Amino acid sequence: MQPTTTEPTIIGAAEQGAEQIEKLSGNAQETVNRVADATAARVRDLGMKGEKMRQQWMDTQEQWVGSAREYVRGHPIASVAIAVGVGLLLSRLTSRQ
């Protein structure tokens, strides 16, 4: 059987198609890598911001506790009176009458 004149054309088209698929595949992989890198960078940034916010909250909490301790040491009777008052108020709010 002799090759027809369309065989070289079909083979050439198949090779071109394979080259195009390879090129598109490479482009798709590059795009996926860029998106993955950008996403990882954004996650790292958010993690650092979250850590900074956590540290700020811990610092604020320490300041509040320190202020409360200073107040209780400076005004022990008033502190006990405030605690009793808050306790009575909470008792009234939570009682079922």
PDB file of N, CA and C in Angstrom:
ATOM      1  N   MET A   1       0.833  -1.168   0.000  1.00  0.00           N
ATOM      2  CA  MET A   1       0.000   0.000   0.000  1.00  0.00           C
ATOM      3  C   MET A   1       0.880   1.234   0.000  1.00  0.00           C
ATOM      4  N   GLN A   2       0.587   2.143  -0.860  1.00  0.00           N
ATOM      5  CA  GLN A   2       1.395   3.346  -0.973  1.00  0.00           C
ATOM      6  C   GLN A   2       0.769   4.465  -0.140  1.00  0.00           C
ATOM      7  N   PRO A   3       1.648   5.263   0.471  1.00  0.00           N
ATOM      8  CA  PRO A   3       1.104   6.383   1.252  1.00  0.00           C
ATOM      9  C   PRO A   3       0.400   7.374   0.336  1.00  0.00           C
ATOM     10  N   THR A   4      -0.679   7.877   0.821  1.00  0.00           N
ATOM     11  CA  THR A   4      -1.407   8.873   0.042  1.00  0.00           C
ATOM     12  C   THR A   4      -0.839  10.251   0.328  1.00  0.00           C
ATOM     13  N   THR A   5      -1.266  11.199  -0.420  1.00  0.00           N
ATOM     14  CA  THR A   5      -0.760  12.556  -0.231  1.00  0.00           C
ATOM     15  C   THR A   5      -1.322  13.203   1.023  1.00  0.00           C
ATOM     16  N   THR A   6      -2.351  12.657   1.596  1.00  0.00           N
ATOM     17  CA  THR A   6      -2.923  13.240   2.818  1.00  0.00           C
ATOM     18  C   THR A   6      -2.211  12.768   4.070  1.00  0.00           C
ATOM     19  N   GLU A   7      -1.479  11.655   3.982  1.00  0.00           N
ATOM     20  CA  GLU A   7      -0.781  11.145   5.172  1.00  0.00           C
ATOM     21  C   GLU A   7       0.209  12.150   5.736  1.00  0.00           C
ATOM     22  N   PRO A   8       1.091  12.758   4.937  1.00  0.00           N
ATOM     23  CA  PRO A   8       2.005  13.745   5.503  1.00  0.00           C
ATOM     24  C   PRO A   8       1.255  14.921   6.111  1.00  0.00           C
ATOM     25  N   THR A   9       0.153  15.312   5.545  1.00  0.00           N
ATOM     26  CA  THR A   9      -0.620  16.420   6.072  1.00  0.00           C
ATOM     27  C   THR A   9      -1.221  16.049   7.424  1.00  0.00           C
ATOM     28  N   ILE A  10      -1.734  14.847   7.532  1.00  0.00           N
ATOM     29  CA  ILE A  10      -2.321  14.386   8.784  1.00  0.00           C
ATOM     30  C   ILE A  10      -1.247  14.269   9.856  1.00  0.00           C
ATOM     31  N   ILE A  11      -0.091  13.731   9.496  1.00  0.00           N
ATOM     32  CA  ILE A  11       1.009  13.592  10.455  1.00  0.00           C
ATOM     33  C   ILE A  11       1.478  14.965  10.904  1.00  0.00           C
ATOM     34  N   GLY A  12       1.611  15.877   9.972  1.00  0.00           N
ATOM     35  CA  GLY A  12       2.030  17.239  10.320  1.00  0.00           C
ATOM     36  C   GLY A  12       1.018  17.921  11.226  1.00  0.00           C
ATOM     37  N   ALA A  13      -0.241  17.748  10.939  1.00  0.00           N
ATOM     38  CA  ALA A  13      -1.294  18.344  11.770  1.00  0.00           C
ATOM     39  C   ALA A  13      -1.279  17.736  13.167  1.00  0.00           C
ATOM     40  N   ALA A  14      -1.056  16.432  13.249  1.00  0.00           N
ATOM     41  CA  ALA A  14      -1.001  15.765  14.547  1.00  0.00           C
ATOM     42  C   ALA A  14       0.189  16.287  15.354  1.00  0.00           C
ATOM     43  N   GLU A  15       1.318  16.484  14.698  1.00  0.00           N
ATOM     44  CA  GLU A  15       2.503  17.010  15.390  1.00  0.00           C
ATOM     45  C   GLU A  15       2.258  18.436  15.867  1.00  0.00           C
ATOM     46  N   GLN A  16       1.636  19.243  15.022  1.00  0.00           N
ATOM     47  CA  GLN A  16       1.317  20.614  15.425  1.00  0.00           C
ATOM     48  C   GLN A  16       0.331  20.615  16.596  1.00  0.00           C
ATOM     49  N   GLY A  17      -0.640  19.718  16.526  1.00  0.00           N
ATOM     50  CA  GLY A  17      -1.600  19.608  17.624  1.00  0.00           C
ATOM     51  C   GLY A  17      -0.915  19.209  18.918  1.00  0.00           C
ATOM     52  N   ALA A  18       0.019  18.269  18.830  1.00  0.00           N
ATOM     53  CA  ALA A  18       0.752  17.839  20.019  1.00  0.00           C
ATOM     54  C   ALA A  18       1.590  18.988  20.578  1.00  0.00           C
ATOM     55  N   GLU A  19       2.209  19.766  19.708  1.00  0.00           N
ATOM     56  CA  GLU A  19       3.006  20.919  20.150  1.00  0.00           C
ATOM     57  C   GLU A  19       2.123  21.951  20.839  1.00  0.00           C
ATOM     58  N   GLN A  20       0.945  22.202  20.277  1.00  0.00           N
ATOM     59  CA  GLN A  20       0.020  23.163  20.874  1.00  0.00           C
ATOM     60  C   GLN A  20      -0.441  22.688  22.256  1.00  0.00           C
ATOM     61  N   ILE A  21      -0.738  21.398  22.348  1.00  0.00           N
ATOM     62  CA  ILE A  21      -1.167  20.839  23.641  1.00  0.00           C
ATOM     63  C   ILE A  21      -0.043  20.965  24.667  1.00  0.00           C
ATOM     64  N   GLU A  22       1.181  20.687  24.240  1.00  0.00           N
ATOM     65  CA  GLU A  22       2.325  20.814  25.144  1.00  0.00           C
ATOM     66  C   GLU A  22       2.493  22.255  25.603  1.00  0.00           C
ATOM     67  N   LYS A  23       2.363  23.190  24.675  1.00  0.00           N
ATOM     68  CA  LYS A  23       2.509  24.610  24.991  1.00  0.00           C
ATOM     69  C   LYS A  23       1.413  25.057  25.960  1.00  0.00           C
ATOM     70  N   LEU A  24       0.171  24.682  25.678  1.00  0.00           N
ATOM     71  CA  LEU A  24      -0.937  25.043  26.562  1.00  0.00           C
ATOM     72  C   LEU A  24      -0.783  24.418  27.940  1.00  0.00           C
ATOM     73  N   SER A  25      -0.301  23.185  27.967  1.00  0.00           N
ATOM     74  CA  SER A  25      -0.083  22.507  29.239  1.00  0.00           C
ATOM     75  C   SER A  25       0.968  23.244  30.067  1.00  0.00           C
ATOM     76  N   GLY A  26       2.034  23.657  29.407  1.00  0.00           N
ATOM     77  CA  GLY A  26       3.081  24.420  30.106  1.00  0.00           C
ATOM     78  C   GLY A  26       2.545  25.747  30.618  1.00  0.00           C
ATOM     79  N   ASN A  27       1.748  26.437  29.809  1.00  0.00           N
ATOM     80  CA  ASN A  27       1.166  27.712  30.230  1.00  0.00           C
ATOM     81  C   ASN A  27       0.222  27.515  31.415  1.00  0.00           C
ATOM     82  N   ALA A  28      -0.561  26.458  31.371  1.00  0.00           N
ATOM     83  CA  ALA A  28      -1.485  26.182  32.472  1.00  0.00           C
ATOM     84  C   ALA A  28      -0.716  25.899  33.765  1.00  0.00           C
ATOM     85  N   GLN A  29       0.357  25.148  33.661  1.00  0.00           N
ATOM     86  CA  GLN A  29       1.157  24.837  34.850  1.00  0.00           C
ATOM     87  C   GLN A  29       1.787  26.104  35.430  1.00  0.00           C
ATOM     88  N   GLU A  30       2.275  26.977  34.548  1.00  0.00           N
ATOM     89  CA  GLU A  30       2.856  28.239  35.022  1.00  0.00           C
ATOM     90  C   GLU A  30       1.800  29.081  35.736  1.00  0.00           C
ATOM     91  N   THR A  31       0.604  29.116  35.182  1.00  0.00           N
ATOM     92  CA  THR A  31      -0.482  29.880  35.801  1.00  0.00           C
ATOM     93  C   THR A  31      -0.844  29.306  37.164  1.00  0.00           C
ATOM     94  N   VAL A  32      -0.938  27.990  37.247  1.00  0.00           N
ATOM     95  CA  VAL A  32      -1.245  27.347  38.530  1.00  0.00           C
ATOM     96  C   VAL A  32      -0.148  27.654  39.547  1.00  0.00           C
ATOM     97  N   ASN A  33       1.096  27.613  39.131  1.00  0.00           N
ATOM     98  CA  ASN A  33       2.208  27.916  40.045  1.00  0.00           C
ATOM     99  C   ASN A  33       2.145  29.361  40.535  1.00  0.00           C
ATOM    100  N   ARG A  34       1.827  30.297  39.633  1.00  0.00           N
ATOM    101  CA  ARG A  34       1.727  31.705  40.036  1.00  0.00           C
ATOM    102  C   ARG A  34       0.587  31.909  41.026  1.00  0.00           C
ATOM    103  N   VAL A  35      -0.542  31.279  40.758  1.00  0.00           N
ATOM    104  CA  VAL A  35      -1.682  31.412  41.665  1.00  0.00           C
ATOM    105  C   VAL A  35      -1.347  30.796  43.021  1.00  0.00           C
ATOM    106  N   ALA A  36      -0.711  29.646  43.017  1.00  0.00           N
ATOM    107  CA  ALA A  36      -0.339  28.985  44.278  1.00  0.00           C
ATOM    108  C   ALA A  36       0.651  29.839  45.063  1.00  0.00           C
ATOM    109  N   ASP A  37       1.615  30.429  44.382  1.00  0.00           N
ATOM    110  CA  ASP A  37       2.589  31.289  45.064  1.00  0.00           C
ATOM    111  C   ASP A  37       1.909  32.526  45.654  1.00  0.00           C
ATOM    112  N   ALA A  38       1.019  33.141  44.879  1.00  0.00           N
ATOM    113  CA  ALA A  38       0.317  34.331  45.365  1.00  0.00           C
ATOM    114  C   ALA A  38      -0.567  33.983  46.562  1.00  0.00           C
ATOM    115  N   THR A  39      -1.225  32.844  46.497  1.00  0.00           N
ATOM    116  CA  THR A  39      -2.088  32.415  47.600  1.00  0.00           C
ATOM    117  C   THR A  39      -1.260  32.145  48.858  1.00  0.00           C
ATOM    118  N   ALA A  40      -0.140  31.475  48.691  1.00  0.00           N
ATOM    119  CA  ALA A  40       0.720  31.184  49.845  1.00  0.00           C
ATOM    120  C   ALA A  40       1.229  32.478  50.473  1.00  0.00           C
ATOM    121  N   ALA A  41       1.591  33.447  49.649  1.00  0.00           N
ATOM    122  CA  ALA A  41       2.071  34.728  50.172  1.00  0.00           C
ATOM    123  C   ALA A  41       0.960  35.436  50.942  1.00  0.00           C
ATOM    124  N   ARG A  42      -0.248  35.390  50.419  1.00  0.00           N
ATOM    125  CA  ARG A  42      -1.377  36.047  51.096  1.00  0.00           C
ATOM    126  C   ARG A  42      -1.685  35.364  52.431  1.00  0.00           C
ATOM    127  N   VAL A  43      -1.624  34.056  52.453  1.00  0.00           N
ATOM    128  CA  VAL A  43      -1.867  33.319  53.699  1.00  0.00           C
ATOM    129  C   VAL A  43      -0.805  33.672  54.742  1.00  0.00           C
ATOM    130  N   ARG A  44       0.440  33.767  54.301  1.00  0.00           N
ATOM    131  CA  ARG A  44       1.513  34.164  55.242  1.00  0.00           C
ATOM    132  C   ARG A  44       1.253  35.558  55.789  1.00  0.00           C
ATOM    133  N   ASP A  45       0.848  36.486  54.921  1.00  0.00           N
ATOM    134  CA  ASP A  45       0.559  37.855  55.367  1.00  0.00           C
ATOM    135  C   ASP A  45      -0.575  37.871  56.383  1.00  0.00           C
ATOM    136  N   LEU A  46      -1.634  37.126  56.094  1.00  0.00           N
ATOM    137  CA  LEU A  46      -2.762  37.067  57.022  1.00  0.00           C
ATOM    138  C   LEU A  46      -2.353  36.438  58.350  1.00  0.00           C
ATOM    139  N   GLY A  47      -1.506  35.421  58.281  1.00  0.00           N
ATOM    140  CA  GLY A  47      -1.020  34.787  59.511  1.00  0.00           C
ATOM    141  C   GLY A  47      -0.222  35.759  60.357  1.00  0.00           C
ATOM    142  N   MET A  48       0.615  36.555  59.709  1.00  0.00           N
ATOM    143  CA  MET A  48       1.410  37.537  60.457  1.00  0.00           C
ATOM    144  C   MET A  48       0.512  38.618  61.049  1.00  0.00           C
ATOM    145  N   LYS A  49      -0.510  39.057  60.295  1.00  0.00           N
ATOM    146  CA  LYS A  49      -1.438  40.051  60.827  1.00  0.00           C
ATOM    147  C   LYS A  49      -2.215  39.482  62.007  1.00  0.00           C
ATOM    148  N   GLY A  50      -2.639  38.227  61.886  1.00  0.00           N
ATOM    149  CA  GLY A  50      -3.357  37.582  62.979  1.00  0.00           C
ATOM    150  C   GLY A  50      -2.497  37.470  64.230  1.00  0.00           C
ATOM    151  N   GLU A  51      -1.240  37.133  64.047  1.00  0.00           N
ATOM    152  CA  GLU A  51      -0.321  37.032  65.188  1.00  0.00           C
ATOM    153  C   GLU A  51      -0.116  38.396  65.838  1.00  0.00           C
ATOM    154  N   LYS A  52      -0.017  39.435  65.006  1.00  0.00           N
ATOM    155  CA  LYS A  52       0.154  40.789  65.537  1.00  0.00           C
ATOM    156  C   LYS A  52      -1.075  41.204  66.344  1.00  0.00           C
ATOM    157  N   MET A  53      -2.272  40.897  65.812  1.00  0.00           N
ATOM    158  CA  MET A  53      -3.499  41.229  66.528  1.00  0.00           C
ATOM    159  C   MET A  53      -3.609  40.449  67.831  1.00  0.00           C
ATOM    160  N   ARG A  54      -3.205  39.186  67.814  1.00  0.00           N
ATOM    161  CA  ARG A  54      -3.233  38.373  69.034  1.00  0.00           C
ATOM    162  C   ARG A  54      -2.307  38.966  70.091  1.00  0.00           C
ATOM    163  N   GLN A  55      -1.124  39.385  69.659  1.00  0.00           N
ATOM    164  CA  GLN A  55      -0.164  39.968  70.595  1.00  0.00           C
ATOM    165  C   GLN A  55      -0.690  41.284  71.166  1.00  0.00           C
ATOM    166  N   GLN A  56      -1.334  42.097  70.325  1.00  0.00           N
ATOM    167  CA  GLN A  56      -1.913  43.352  70.811  1.00  0.00           C
ATOM    168  C   GLN A  56      -3.009  43.079  71.834  1.00  0.00           C
ATOM    169  N   TRP A  57      -3.831  42.067  71.575  1.00  0.00           N
ATOM    170  CA  TRP A  57      -4.885  41.710  72.518  1.00  0.00           C
ATOM    171  C   TRP A  57      -4.292  41.242  73.842  1.00  0.00           C
ATOM    172  N   MET A  58      -3.239  40.436  73.759  1.00  0.00           N
ATOM    173  CA  MET A  58      -2.600  39.953  74.994  1.00  0.00           C
ATOM    174  C   MET A  58      -2.020  41.128  75.782  1.00  0.00           C
ATOM    175  N   ASP A  59      -1.405  42.083  75.093  1.00  0.00           N
ATOM    176  CA  ASP A  59      -0.856  43.256  75.768  1.00  0.00           C
ATOM    177  C   ASP A  59      -1.956  44.083  76.434  1.00  0.00           C
ATOM    178  N   THR A  60      -3.063  44.272  75.723  1.00  0.00           N
ATOM    179  CA  THR A  60      -4.193  45.030  76.274  1.00  0.00           C
ATOM    180  C   THR A  60      -4.771  44.312  77.494  1.00  0.00           C
ATOM    181  N   GLN A  61      -4.886  43.003  77.386  1.00  0.00           N
ATOM    182  CA  GLN A  61      -5.411  42.215  78.498  1.00  0.00           C
ATOM    183  C   GLN A  61      -4.498  42.346  79.723  1.00  0.00           C
ATOM    184  N   GLU A  62      -3.202  42.289  79.512  1.00  0.00           N
ATOM    185  CA  GLU A  62      -2.260  42.446  80.622  1.00  0.00           C
ATOM    186  C   GLU A  62      -2.391  43.831  81.260  1.00  0.00           C
ATOM    187  N   GLN A  63      -2.606  44.859  80.440  1.00  0.00           N
ATOM    188  CA  GLN A  63      -2.773  46.211  80.987  1.00  0.00           C
ATOM    189  C   GLN A  63      -4.033  46.297  81.833  1.00  0.00           C
ATOM    190  N   TRP A  64      -5.125  45.704  81.354  1.00  0.00           N
ATOM    191  CA  TRP A  64      -6.378  45.735  82.109  1.00  0.00           C
ATOM    192  C   TRP A  64      -6.238  45.010  83.444  1.00  0.00           C
ATOM    193  N   VAL A  65      -5.609  43.845  83.422  1.00  0.00           N
ATOM    194  CA  VAL A  65      -5.416  43.085  84.657  1.00  0.00           C
ATOM    195  C   VAL A  65      -4.524  43.877  85.617  1.00  0.00           C
ATOM    196  N   GLY A  66      -3.479  44.487  85.089  1.00  0.00           N
ATOM    197  CA  GLY A  66      -2.586  45.307  85.930  1.00  0.00           C
ATOM    198  C   GLY A  66      -3.326  46.486  86.540  1.00  0.00           C
ATOM    199  N   SER A  67      -4.164  47.142  85.747  1.00  0.00           N
ATOM    200  CA  SER A  67      -4.947  48.275  86.263  1.00  0.00           C
ATOM    201  C   SER A  67      -5.915  47.821  87.347  1.00  0.00           C
ATOM    202  N   ALA A  68      -6.555  46.681  87.124  1.00  0.00           N
ATOM    203  CA  ALA A  68      -7.494  46.152  88.123  1.00  0.00           C
ATOM    204  C   ALA A  68      -6.768  45.818  89.424  1.00  0.00           C
ATOM    205  N   ARG A  69      -5.604  45.224  89.307  1.00  0.00           N
ATOM    206  CA  ARG A  69      -4.829  44.893  90.520  1.00  0.00           C
ATOM    207  C   ARG A  69      -4.448  46.154  91.287  1.00  0.00           C
ATOM    208  N   GLU A  70      -4.004  47.170  90.551  1.00  0.00           N
ATOM    209  CA  GLU A  70      -3.621  48.429  91.209  1.00  0.00           C
ATOM    210  C   GLU A  70      -4.819  49.049  91.921  1.00  0.00           C
ATOM    211  N   TYR A  71      -5.987  49.008  91.275  1.00  0.00           N
ATOM    212  CA  TYR A  71      -7.172  49.587  91.883  1.00  0.00           C
ATOM    213  C   TYR A  71      -7.553  48.829  93.150  1.00  0.00           C
ATOM    214  N   VAL A  72      -7.523  47.486  93.071  1.00  0.00           N
ATOM    215  CA  VAL A  72      -7.890  46.678  94.239  1.00  0.00           C
ATOM    216  C   VAL A  72      -6.913  46.923  95.380  1.00  0.00           C
ATOM    217  N   ARG A  73      -5.622  47.030  95.071  1.00  0.00           N
ATOM    218  CA  ARG A  73      -4.634  47.297  96.130  1.00  0.00           C
ATOM    219  C   ARG A  73      -4.808  48.694  96.717  1.00  0.00           C
ATOM    220  N   GLY A  74      -5.175  49.639  95.885  1.00  0.00           N
ATOM    221  CA  GLY A  74      -5.335  51.014  96.369  1.00  0.00           C
ATOM    222  C   GLY A  74      -6.658  51.257  97.060  1.00  0.00           C
ATOM    223  N   HIS A  75      -7.680  50.509  96.708  1.00  0.00           N
ATOM    224  CA  HIS A  75      -9.018  50.707  97.259  1.00  0.00           C
ATOM    225  C   HIS A  75      -9.645  49.354  97.618  1.00  0.00           C
ATOM    226  N   PRO A  76      -9.124  48.685  98.651  1.00  0.00           N
ATOM    227  CA  PRO A  76      -9.625  47.341  98.955  1.00  0.00           C
ATOM    228  C   PRO A  76     -11.085  47.307  99.400  1.00  0.00           C
ATOM    229  N   ILE A  77     -11.516  48.270 100.200  1.00  0.00           N
ATOM    230  CA  ILE A  77     -12.899  48.256 100.697  1.00  0.00           C
ATOM    231  C   ILE A  77     -13.869  48.543  99.546  1.00  0.00           C
ATOM    232  N   ALA A  78     -13.536  49.519  98.727  1.00  0.00           N
ATOM    233  CA  ALA A  78     -14.388  49.841  97.581  1.00  0.00           C
ATOM    234  C   ALA A  78     -14.454  48.646  96.622  1.00  0.00           C
ATOM    235  N   SER A  79     -13.351  47.942  96.459  1.00  0.00           N
ATOM    236  CA  SER A  79     -13.319  46.774  95.567  1.00  0.00           C
ATOM    237  C   SER A  79     -14.250  45.682  96.054  1.00  0.00           C
ATOM    238  N   VAL A  80     -14.238  45.434  97.354  1.00  0.00           N
ATOM    239  CA  VAL A  80     -15.123  44.419  97.930  1.00  0.00           C
ATOM    240  C   VAL A  80     -16.577  44.864  97.777  1.00  0.00           C
ATOM    241  N   ALA A  81     -16.848  46.145  98.004  1.00  0.00           N
ATOM    242  CA  ALA A  81     -18.218  46.655  97.874  1.00  0.00           C
ATOM    243  C   ALA A  81     -18.703  46.518  96.429  1.00  0.00           C
ATOM    244  N   ILE A  82     -17.846  46.830  95.480  1.00  0.00           N
ATOM    245  CA  ILE A  82     -18.211  46.693  94.070  1.00  0.00           C
ATOM    246  C   ILE A  82     -18.481  45.225  93.741  1.00  0.00           C
ATOM    247  N   ALA A  83     -17.640  44.324  94.227  1.00  0.00           N
ATOM    248  CA  ALA A  83     -17.825  42.896  93.958  1.00  0.00           C
ATOM    249  C   ALA A  83     -19.142  42.396  94.540  1.00  0.00           C
ATOM    250  N   VAL A  84     -19.470  42.828  95.755  1.00  0.00           N
ATOM    251  CA  VAL A  84     -20.729  42.423  96.375  1.00  0.00           C
ATOM    252  C   VAL A  84     -21.904  42.972  95.571  1.00  0.00           C
ATOM    253  N   GLY A  85     -21.817  44.220  95.166  1.00  0.00           N
ATOM    254  CA  GLY A  85     -22.890  44.840  94.380  1.00  0.00           C
ATOM    255  C   GLY A  85     -23.111  44.125  93.050  1.00  0.00           C
ATOM    256  N   VAL A  86     -22.034  43.809  92.366  1.00  0.00           N
ATOM    257  CA  VAL A  86     -22.146  43.095  91.090  1.00  0.00           C
ATOM    258  C   VAL A  86     -22.727  41.709  91.318  1.00  0.00           C
ATOM    259  N   GLY A  87     -22.307  41.059  92.395  1.00  0.00           N
ATOM    260  CA  GLY A  87     -22.844  39.735  92.710  1.00  0.00           C
ATOM    261  C   GLY A  87     -24.340  39.775  92.977  1.00  0.00           C
ATOM    262  N   LEU A  88     -24.789  40.774  93.738  1.00  0.00           N
ATOM    263  CA  LEU A  88     -26.229  40.915  94.018  1.00  0.00           C
ATOM    264  C   LEU A  88     -27.003  41.208  92.726  1.00  0.00           C
ATOM    265  N   LEU A  89     -26.458  42.050  91.899  1.00  0.00           N
ATOM    266  CA  LEU A  89     -27.114  42.391  90.637  1.00  0.00           C
ATOM    267  C   LEU A  89     -27.241  41.155  89.744  1.00  0.00           C
ATOM    268  N   LEU A  90     -26.165  40.400  89.615  1.00  0.00           N
ATOM    269  CA  LEU A  90     -26.209  39.180  88.805  1.00  0.00           C
ATOM    270  C   LEU A  90     -27.182  38.162  89.408  1.00  0.00           C
ATOM    271  N   SER A  91     -27.240  38.087  90.727  1.00  0.00           N
ATOM    272  CA  SER A  91     -28.157  37.178  91.393  1.00  0.00           C
ATOM    273  C   SER A  91     -29.597  37.535  91.058  1.00  0.00           C
ATOM    274  N   ARG A  92     -29.920  38.806  91.098  1.00  0.00           N
ATOM    275  CA  ARG A  92     -31.280  39.268  90.788  1.00  0.00           C
ATOM    276  C   ARG A  92     -31.626  38.999  89.322  1.00  0.00           C
ATOM    277  N   LEU A  93     -30.662  39.242  88.428  1.00  0.00           N
ATOM    278  CA  LEU A  93     -30.902  39.041  86.997  1.00  0.00           C
ATOM    279  C   LEU A  93     -31.108  37.575  86.642  1.00  0.00           C
ATOM    280  N   THR A  94     -30.426  36.693  87.351  1.00  0.00           N
ATOM    281  CA  THR A  94     -30.497  35.268  87.008  1.00  0.00           C
ATOM    282  C   THR A  94     -31.505  34.502  87.840  1.00  0.00           C
ATOM    283  N   SER A  95     -32.104  35.144  88.857  1.00  0.00           N
ATOM    284  CA  SER A  95     -33.106  34.427  89.666  1.00  0.00           C
ATOM    285  C   SER A  95     -34.381  34.276  88.862  1.00  0.00           C
ATOM    286  N   ARG A  96     -35.147  33.236  89.151  1.00  0.00           N
ATOM    287  CA  ARG A  96     -36.365  32.920  88.398  1.00  0.00           C
ATOM    288  C   ARG A  96     -37.616  33.337  89.184  1.00  0.00           C
ATOM    289  N   GLN A  97     -37.758  34.576  89.424  1.00  0.00           N
ATOM    290  CA  GLN A  97     -38.959  35.057  90.127  1.00  0.00           C
ATOM    291  C   GLN A  97     -39.736  35.976  89.255  1.00  0.00           C
TER     292      GLN A  97
END
